[in-house]
């Protein structure tokens, strides 16, 4: 299975219309460490485009631990509905099954997260994501960051 999570995520960010829309607001300095079953990988906005590559990210904004079932679920999504993708991602954050549950460890300050454009990603999800977050007890974007920081 070596590299399969990295490869699947790389293809997804290269080809998915929803991924293209969602990452448009990210700064070139945005960077995420990915903890995959196949080993460490990193997400960056190299040359203004989302890229996923094998290897550790030395100074990530946050780390996502993505089990294989979560990678499969996210990368199987089709279309350009960023809201549907956002809800699927948040559902995986709340999943009870360890083989599906995405874990987040936030490293960056709230100011750095904002500067790197992550609130823009939330905004791209639109009312669909906002409504889902409200229904699940997250009242505003800062509350979402605080919730992720507190135990994601």
N, C-alpha and C. Protein backbone atom coordinates (compact mmCIF):
# COMPACT_ATOMS: atom_id res chain seq x y z
N UNK A 1 0.82 -1.20 0.00
CA UNK A 1 0.00 0.00 0.00
C UNK A 1 0.86 1.26 0.00
N UNK A 2 2.16 1.11 -0.07
CA UNK A 2 3.06 2.25 0.00
C UNK A 2 2.68 3.34 -0.99
N UNK A 3 2.50 4.54 -0.46
CA UNK A 3 2.23 5.69 -1.31
C UNK A 3 0.80 5.82 -1.79
N UNK A 4 -0.06 4.83 -1.55
CA UNK A 4 -1.40 4.89 -2.14
C UNK A 4 -2.22 6.05 -1.60
N UNK A 5 -2.16 6.33 -0.30
CA UNK A 5 -2.88 7.48 0.24
C UNK A 5 -2.36 8.78 -0.34
N UNK A 6 -1.06 8.89 -0.42
CA UNK A 6 -0.44 10.08 -1.00
C UNK A 6 -0.84 10.23 -2.46
N UNK A 7 -0.76 9.14 -3.21
CA UNK A 7 -1.11 9.17 -4.63
C UNK A 7 -2.57 9.53 -4.84
N UNK A 8 -3.46 8.92 -4.05
CA UNK A 8 -4.89 9.19 -4.19
C UNK A 8 -5.19 10.66 -3.88
N UNK A 9 -4.60 11.19 -2.83
CA UNK A 9 -4.82 12.59 -2.48
C UNK A 9 -4.22 13.53 -3.53
N UNK A 10 -3.05 13.18 -4.05
CA UNK A 10 -2.42 14.01 -5.09
C UNK A 10 -3.33 14.07 -6.31
N UNK A 11 -3.85 12.92 -6.76
CA UNK A 11 -4.77 12.89 -7.91
C UNK A 11 -6.03 13.70 -7.62
N UNK A 12 -6.55 13.55 -6.42
CA UNK A 12 -7.77 14.27 -6.05
C UNK A 12 -7.56 15.78 -6.16
N UNK A 13 -6.48 16.30 -5.59
CA UNK A 13 -6.26 17.74 -5.63
C UNK A 13 -5.89 18.24 -7.03
N UNK A 14 -5.38 17.37 -7.88
CA UNK A 14 -5.08 17.74 -9.26
C UNK A 14 -6.33 17.76 -10.14
N UNK A 15 -7.30 16.90 -9.84
CA UNK A 15 -8.41 16.69 -10.78
C UNK A 15 -9.79 17.09 -10.28
N UNK A 16 -9.99 17.22 -8.99
CA UNK A 16 -11.33 17.47 -8.45
C UNK A 16 -11.74 18.93 -8.58
N UNK A 17 -12.89 19.19 -9.22
CA UNK A 17 -13.39 20.56 -9.29
C UNK A 17 -13.65 21.16 -7.89
N UNK A 18 -14.17 20.34 -6.97
CA UNK A 18 -14.42 20.84 -5.61
C UNK A 18 -13.10 21.22 -4.92
N UNK A 19 -12.07 20.42 -5.11
CA UNK A 19 -10.76 20.71 -4.51
C UNK A 19 -10.19 22.00 -5.09
N UNK A 20 -10.32 22.19 -6.40
CA UNK A 20 -9.82 23.42 -7.03
C UNK A 20 -10.52 24.64 -6.45
N UNK A 21 -11.85 24.56 -6.33
CA UNK A 21 -12.61 25.69 -5.77
C UNK A 21 -12.22 25.94 -4.31
N UNK A 22 -12.13 24.88 -3.53
CA UNK A 22 -11.88 25.01 -2.09
C UNK A 22 -10.50 25.59 -1.79
N UNK A 23 -9.52 25.26 -2.60
CA UNK A 23 -8.14 25.69 -2.30
C UNK A 23 -7.78 27.04 -2.92
N UNK A 24 -8.67 27.61 -3.72
CA UNK A 24 -8.38 28.89 -4.38
C UNK A 24 -7.98 30.00 -3.41
N UNK A 25 -8.58 30.01 -2.22
CA UNK A 25 -8.32 31.09 -1.27
C UNK A 25 -7.05 30.88 -0.43
N UNK A 26 -6.41 29.73 -0.57
CA UNK A 26 -5.24 29.46 0.26
C UNK A 26 -4.01 30.23 -0.23
N UNK A 27 -3.23 30.71 0.72
CA UNK A 27 -1.99 31.42 0.42
C UNK A 27 -0.91 30.43 0.00
N UNK A 28 0.08 30.93 -0.70
CA UNK A 28 1.21 30.09 -1.12
C UNK A 28 1.94 29.48 0.07
N UNK A 29 1.84 30.14 1.24
CA UNK A 29 2.50 29.63 2.45
C UNK A 29 1.69 28.58 3.19
N UNK A 30 0.47 28.30 2.76
CA UNK A 30 -0.36 27.29 3.43
C UNK A 30 0.32 25.93 3.31
N UNK A 31 0.36 25.22 4.43
CA UNK A 31 1.00 23.90 4.42
C UNK A 31 0.40 23.02 5.52
N UNK A 32 0.17 21.77 5.15
CA UNK A 32 -0.46 20.82 6.05
C UNK A 32 0.35 19.54 6.05
N UNK A 33 0.64 19.04 7.24
CA UNK A 33 1.27 17.73 7.37
C UNK A 33 0.17 16.68 7.30
N UNK A 34 0.43 15.61 6.59
CA UNK A 34 -0.53 14.51 6.46
C UNK A 34 0.07 13.26 7.07
N UNK A 35 -0.63 12.69 8.03
CA UNK A 35 -0.23 11.45 8.67
C UNK A 35 -1.07 10.35 8.05
N UNK A 36 -0.46 9.61 7.12
CA UNK A 36 -1.17 8.58 6.37
C UNK A 36 -0.64 7.21 6.74
N UNK A 37 -1.43 6.19 6.52
CA UNK A 37 -0.98 4.82 6.80
C UNK A 37 0.30 4.50 6.02
N UNK A 38 0.41 5.05 4.82
CA UNK A 38 1.57 4.80 3.96
C UNK A 38 2.79 5.63 4.34
N UNK A 39 2.63 6.52 5.32
CA UNK A 39 3.75 7.35 5.77
C UNK A 39 3.41 8.82 5.70
N UNK A 40 4.35 9.66 6.14
CA UNK A 40 4.08 11.10 6.15
C UNK A 40 4.03 11.68 4.74
N UNK A 41 3.18 12.68 4.59
CA UNK A 41 3.06 13.42 3.33
C UNK A 41 2.78 14.86 3.69
N UNK A 42 2.77 15.70 2.67
CA UNK A 42 2.51 17.12 2.92
C UNK A 42 1.66 17.69 1.80
N UNK A 43 0.80 18.64 2.21
CA UNK A 43 -0.03 19.40 1.30
C UNK A 43 0.53 20.81 1.29
N UNK A 44 0.78 21.34 0.09
CA UNK A 44 1.25 22.71 -0.04
C UNK A 44 0.55 23.36 -1.22
N UNK A 45 0.73 24.66 -1.32
CA UNK A 45 0.18 25.42 -2.45
C UNK A 45 1.33 25.85 -3.37
N UNK A 46 2.16 24.91 -3.74
CA UNK A 46 3.31 25.17 -4.60
C UNK A 46 2.85 25.77 -5.92
N UNK A 47 3.48 26.86 -6.30
CA UNK A 47 3.17 27.55 -7.56
C UNK A 47 1.70 27.91 -7.68
N UNK A 48 1.04 28.14 -6.53
CA UNK A 48 -0.36 28.53 -6.54
C UNK A 48 -1.34 27.41 -6.78
N UNK A 49 -0.87 26.16 -6.81
CA UNK A 49 -1.74 25.01 -7.01
C UNK A 49 -1.56 24.04 -5.85
N UNK A 50 -2.65 23.41 -5.45
CA UNK A 50 -2.60 22.42 -4.38
C UNK A 50 -1.77 21.23 -4.83
N UNK A 51 -0.85 20.82 -3.96
CA UNK A 51 -0.01 19.65 -4.26
C UNK A 51 0.09 18.78 -3.02
N UNK A 52 0.09 17.50 -3.23
CA UNK A 52 0.32 16.52 -2.17
C UNK A 52 1.52 15.70 -2.60
N UNK A 53 2.51 15.66 -1.70
CA UNK A 53 3.77 14.95 -1.99
C UNK A 53 4.18 14.13 -0.78
N UNK A 54 4.91 13.05 -1.02
CA UNK A 54 5.40 12.26 0.12
C UNK A 54 6.45 13.06 0.90
N UNK A 55 6.57 12.73 2.16
CA UNK A 55 7.58 13.35 3.02
C UNK A 55 6.96 14.24 4.08
N UNK A 56 7.71 14.44 5.12
CA UNK A 56 7.25 15.24 6.26
C UNK A 56 7.22 16.73 5.92
N UNK A 57 6.31 17.44 6.54
CA UNK A 57 6.23 18.90 6.44
C UNK A 57 6.84 19.47 7.72
N UNK A 58 7.95 20.22 7.62
CA UNK A 58 8.65 20.66 8.83
C UNK A 58 7.93 21.74 9.64
N UNK A 59 7.11 22.56 9.03
CA UNK A 59 6.45 23.65 9.76
C UNK A 59 4.99 23.77 9.32
N UNK A 60 4.16 22.76 9.65
CA UNK A 60 2.78 22.77 9.16
C UNK A 60 1.90 23.74 9.94
N UNK A 61 0.85 24.19 9.27
CA UNK A 61 -0.19 24.95 9.95
C UNK A 61 -0.98 24.00 10.86
N UNK A 62 -1.21 22.80 10.37
CA UNK A 62 -1.83 21.76 11.17
C UNK A 62 -1.49 20.40 10.57
N UNK A 63 -1.75 19.35 11.33
CA UNK A 63 -1.53 17.98 10.88
C UNK A 63 -2.88 17.29 10.80
N UNK A 64 -3.12 16.59 9.70
CA UNK A 64 -4.30 15.76 9.53
C UNK A 64 -3.86 14.30 9.54
N UNK A 65 -4.42 13.52 10.45
CA UNK A 65 -4.22 12.08 10.44
C UNK A 65 -5.42 11.49 9.71
N UNK A 66 -5.14 10.90 8.55
CA UNK A 66 -6.20 10.39 7.67
C UNK A 66 -6.06 8.88 7.51
N UNK A 67 -6.94 8.10 8.14
CA UNK A 67 -6.90 6.66 7.92
C UNK A 67 -7.33 6.33 6.49
N UNK A 68 -6.97 5.14 6.00
CA UNK A 68 -7.28 4.78 4.61
C UNK A 68 -8.75 4.93 4.23
N UNK A 69 -9.68 4.56 5.11
CA UNK A 69 -11.10 4.68 4.76
C UNK A 69 -11.51 6.14 4.58
N UNK A 70 -10.91 7.03 5.36
CA UNK A 70 -11.21 8.46 5.21
C UNK A 70 -10.67 8.97 3.87
N UNK A 71 -9.45 8.57 3.53
CA UNK A 71 -8.87 8.97 2.24
C UNK A 71 -9.75 8.46 1.11
N UNK A 72 -10.15 7.19 1.19
CA UNK A 72 -11.00 6.60 0.14
C UNK A 72 -12.32 7.36 0.01
N UNK A 73 -12.93 7.68 1.14
CA UNK A 73 -14.22 8.38 1.13
C UNK A 73 -14.09 9.76 0.49
N UNK A 74 -13.10 10.52 0.92
CA UNK A 74 -12.94 11.88 0.41
C UNK A 74 -12.55 11.91 -1.06
N UNK A 75 -11.63 11.04 -1.45
CA UNK A 75 -11.14 11.07 -2.83
C UNK A 75 -12.14 10.47 -3.82
N UNK A 76 -13.15 9.77 -3.32
CA UNK A 76 -14.18 9.21 -4.21
C UNK A 76 -15.25 10.23 -4.55
N UNK A 77 -15.25 11.37 -3.85
CA UNK A 77 -16.29 12.38 -4.10
C UNK A 77 -16.09 13.02 -5.46
N UNK A 78 -17.17 13.20 -6.16
CA UNK A 78 -17.15 13.79 -7.50
C UNK A 78 -17.86 15.13 -7.50
N UNK A 79 -17.62 15.93 -8.52
CA UNK A 79 -18.35 17.17 -8.69
C UNK A 79 -17.64 18.38 -8.11
N UNK A 80 -18.37 19.50 -8.09
CA UNK A 80 -17.77 20.76 -7.66
C UNK A 80 -18.44 21.35 -6.43
N UNK A 81 -19.20 20.55 -5.70
CA UNK A 81 -19.92 21.02 -4.52
C UNK A 81 -19.00 21.04 -3.31
N UNK A 82 -18.39 22.19 -3.07
CA UNK A 82 -17.46 22.34 -1.94
C UNK A 82 -18.19 22.14 -0.62
N UNK A 83 -19.44 22.54 -0.55
CA UNK A 83 -20.22 22.35 0.66
C UNK A 83 -20.37 20.88 1.02
N UNK A 84 -20.69 20.06 0.03
CA UNK A 84 -20.83 18.61 0.27
C UNK A 84 -19.50 18.02 0.73
N UNK A 85 -18.42 18.45 0.10
CA UNK A 85 -17.10 17.96 0.49
C UNK A 85 -16.78 18.40 1.92
N UNK A 86 -17.07 19.66 2.25
CA UNK A 86 -16.80 20.17 3.59
C UNK A 86 -17.57 19.41 4.65
N UNK A 87 -18.83 19.14 4.39
CA UNK A 87 -19.63 18.38 5.35
C UNK A 87 -19.07 16.97 5.50
N UNK A 88 -18.70 16.33 4.41
CA UNK A 88 -18.12 14.98 4.48
C UNK A 88 -16.84 14.99 5.32
N UNK A 89 -16.01 16.03 5.15
CA UNK A 89 -14.79 16.14 5.94
C UNK A 89 -15.12 16.29 7.43
N UNK A 90 -16.05 17.19 7.75
CA UNK A 90 -16.41 17.39 9.16
C UNK A 90 -17.05 16.15 9.76
N UNK A 91 -17.82 15.41 8.97
CA UNK A 91 -18.40 14.16 9.46
C UNK A 91 -17.31 13.15 9.80
N UNK A 92 -16.24 13.13 9.01
CA UNK A 92 -15.13 12.24 9.31
C UNK A 92 -14.38 12.68 10.57
N UNK A 93 -14.36 13.97 10.84
CA UNK A 93 -13.76 14.45 12.09
C UNK A 93 -14.55 13.95 13.30
N UNK A 94 -15.85 13.79 13.13
CA UNK A 94 -16.70 13.37 14.24
C UNK A 94 -16.99 11.87 14.24
N UNK A 95 -16.48 11.14 13.26
CA UNK A 95 -16.75 9.71 13.16
C UNK A 95 -16.29 8.99 14.42
N UNK A 96 -17.06 8.01 14.83
CA UNK A 96 -16.71 7.22 16.01
C UNK A 96 -15.77 6.07 15.68
N UNK A 97 -15.82 5.61 14.44
CA UNK A 97 -15.00 4.46 14.04
C UNK A 97 -13.56 4.91 13.80
N UNK A 98 -12.58 4.33 14.50
CA UNK A 98 -11.19 4.75 14.35
C UNK A 98 -10.65 4.61 12.92
N UNK A 99 -11.18 3.65 12.15
CA UNK A 99 -10.66 3.45 10.79
C UNK A 99 -11.23 4.48 9.81
N UNK A 100 -12.14 5.36 10.28
CA UNK A 100 -12.69 6.43 9.44
C UNK A 100 -12.39 7.82 10.00
N UNK A 101 -12.11 7.91 11.27
CA UNK A 101 -12.03 9.21 11.95
C UNK A 101 -10.75 9.97 11.59
N UNK A 102 -10.95 11.18 11.09
CA UNK A 102 -9.85 12.11 10.81
C UNK A 102 -9.52 12.83 12.11
N UNK A 103 -8.24 12.92 12.41
CA UNK A 103 -7.80 13.67 13.60
C UNK A 103 -7.02 14.89 13.12
N UNK A 104 -7.15 15.98 13.87
CA UNK A 104 -6.48 17.24 13.54
C UNK A 104 -5.67 17.70 14.74
N UNK A 105 -4.46 18.14 14.46
CA UNK A 105 -3.65 18.80 15.48
C UNK A 105 -3.22 20.15 14.90
N UNK A 106 -3.74 21.22 15.48
CA UNK A 106 -3.44 22.57 14.99
C UNK A 106 -2.12 23.03 15.60
N UNK A 107 -1.20 23.46 14.76
CA UNK A 107 0.11 23.96 15.20
C UNK A 107 0.18 25.48 15.15
N UNK A 108 -0.44 26.07 14.16
CA UNK A 108 -0.31 27.51 13.89
C UNK A 108 -1.24 28.32 14.79
N UNK A 109 -0.88 29.58 14.95
CA UNK A 109 -1.74 30.51 15.67
C UNK A 109 -2.99 30.77 14.82
N UNK A 110 -4.03 31.25 15.47
CA UNK A 110 -5.25 31.61 14.74
C UNK A 110 -4.94 32.66 13.68
N UNK A 111 -4.08 33.62 14.01
CA UNK A 111 -3.71 34.66 13.04
C UNK A 111 -3.05 34.05 11.81
N UNK A 112 -2.17 33.08 12.00
CA UNK A 112 -1.51 32.45 10.85
C UNK A 112 -2.51 31.65 10.02
N UNK A 113 -3.44 30.97 10.67
CA UNK A 113 -4.46 30.22 9.93
C UNK A 113 -5.29 31.16 9.07
N UNK A 114 -5.65 32.30 9.63
CA UNK A 114 -6.43 33.29 8.87
C UNK A 114 -5.59 33.84 7.72
N UNK A 115 -4.33 34.18 8.00
CA UNK A 115 -3.45 34.73 6.96
C UNK A 115 -3.22 33.74 5.82
N UNK A 116 -3.23 32.47 6.12
CA UNK A 116 -3.00 31.45 5.10
C UNK A 116 -4.27 31.08 4.34
N UNK A 117 -5.42 31.68 4.70
CA UNK A 117 -6.63 31.55 3.90
C UNK A 117 -7.58 30.43 4.25
N UNK A 118 -7.41 29.79 5.40
CA UNK A 118 -8.28 28.66 5.73
C UNK A 118 -9.73 29.07 5.98
N UNK A 119 -9.97 30.30 6.47
CA UNK A 119 -11.36 30.74 6.63
C UNK A 119 -12.03 30.90 5.27
N UNK A 120 -11.24 31.24 4.26
CA UNK A 120 -11.78 31.32 2.90
C UNK A 120 -12.26 29.97 2.41
N UNK A 121 -11.57 28.90 2.83
CA UNK A 121 -12.00 27.55 2.45
C UNK A 121 -13.36 27.28 3.08
N UNK A 122 -13.50 27.63 4.37
CA UNK A 122 -14.80 27.45 5.03
C UNK A 122 -15.89 28.25 4.32
N UNK A 123 -15.57 29.49 3.96
CA UNK A 123 -16.54 30.35 3.28
C UNK A 123 -16.94 29.79 1.93
N UNK A 124 -16.01 29.15 1.24
CA UNK A 124 -16.31 28.56 -0.06
C UNK A 124 -17.36 27.46 0.07
N UNK A 125 -17.39 26.80 1.22
CA UNK A 125 -18.41 25.79 1.47
C UNK A 125 -19.80 26.37 1.59
N UNK A 126 -19.86 27.67 1.85
CA UNK A 126 -21.11 28.40 1.85
C UNK A 126 -22.07 28.05 2.96
N UNK A 127 -23.32 28.36 2.70
CA UNK A 127 -24.39 28.18 3.69
C UNK A 127 -24.55 26.72 4.09
N UNK A 128 -24.29 25.82 3.15
CA UNK A 128 -24.44 24.39 3.44
C UNK A 128 -23.53 23.98 4.61
N UNK A 129 -22.27 24.38 4.55
CA UNK A 129 -21.32 24.05 5.62
C UNK A 129 -21.65 24.83 6.88
N UNK A 130 -21.96 26.12 6.73
CA UNK A 130 -22.29 26.96 7.89
C UNK A 130 -23.47 26.38 8.66
N UNK A 131 -24.51 25.97 7.94
CA UNK A 131 -25.68 25.41 8.58
C UNK A 131 -25.34 24.11 9.29
N UNK A 132 -24.56 23.25 8.65
CA UNK A 132 -24.18 21.98 9.25
C UNK A 132 -23.36 22.24 10.53
N UNK A 133 -22.42 23.18 10.47
CA UNK A 133 -21.62 23.50 11.66
C UNK A 133 -22.51 24.02 12.78
N UNK A 134 -23.44 24.91 12.45
CA UNK A 134 -24.37 25.44 13.47
C UNK A 134 -25.16 24.31 14.12
N UNK A 135 -25.68 23.40 13.30
CA UNK A 135 -26.45 22.28 13.83
C UNK A 135 -25.60 21.40 14.74
N UNK A 136 -24.29 21.44 14.57
CA UNK A 136 -23.39 20.62 15.37
C UNK A 136 -22.64 21.42 16.42
N UNK A 137 -23.17 22.60 16.76
CA UNK A 137 -22.67 23.36 17.89
C UNK A 137 -21.51 24.30 17.63
N UNK A 138 -21.17 24.55 16.37
CA UNK A 138 -20.08 25.46 16.04
C UNK A 138 -20.70 26.75 15.52
N UNK A 139 -20.60 27.82 16.31
CA UNK A 139 -21.35 29.04 16.02
C UNK A 139 -20.67 29.99 15.05
N UNK A 140 -19.34 29.92 14.90
CA UNK A 140 -18.63 30.83 14.00
C UNK A 140 -17.28 30.23 13.64
N UNK A 141 -16.59 30.81 12.66
CA UNK A 141 -15.31 30.23 12.23
C UNK A 141 -14.27 30.15 13.35
N UNK A 142 -14.19 31.15 14.21
CA UNK A 142 -13.22 31.09 15.31
C UNK A 142 -13.56 29.92 16.24
N UNK A 143 -14.86 29.67 16.46
CA UNK A 143 -15.28 28.53 17.28
C UNK A 143 -14.85 27.22 16.63
N UNK A 144 -14.89 27.17 15.30
CA UNK A 144 -14.44 25.96 14.59
C UNK A 144 -12.94 25.75 14.83
N UNK A 145 -12.16 26.80 14.71
CA UNK A 145 -10.72 26.71 14.96
C UNK A 145 -10.46 26.29 16.40
N UNK A 146 -11.16 26.94 17.34
CA UNK A 146 -10.96 26.62 18.75
C UNK A 146 -11.33 25.17 19.05
N UNK A 147 -12.40 24.69 18.42
CA UNK A 147 -12.82 23.30 18.63
C UNK A 147 -11.77 22.34 18.08
N UNK A 148 -11.23 22.64 16.91
CA UNK A 148 -10.19 21.79 16.34
C UNK A 148 -8.93 21.83 17.21
N UNK A 149 -8.58 23.00 17.69
CA UNK A 149 -7.40 23.14 18.52
C UNK A 149 -7.55 22.39 19.83
N UNK A 150 -8.78 22.35 20.34
CA UNK A 150 -9.03 21.74 21.63
C UNK A 150 -9.12 20.23 21.62
N UNK A 151 -9.09 19.60 20.48
CA UNK A 151 -9.14 18.15 20.53
C UNK A 151 -9.56 17.50 19.24
N UNK A 152 -9.83 18.32 18.20
CA UNK A 152 -10.12 17.82 16.87
C UNK A 152 -10.46 16.44 16.71
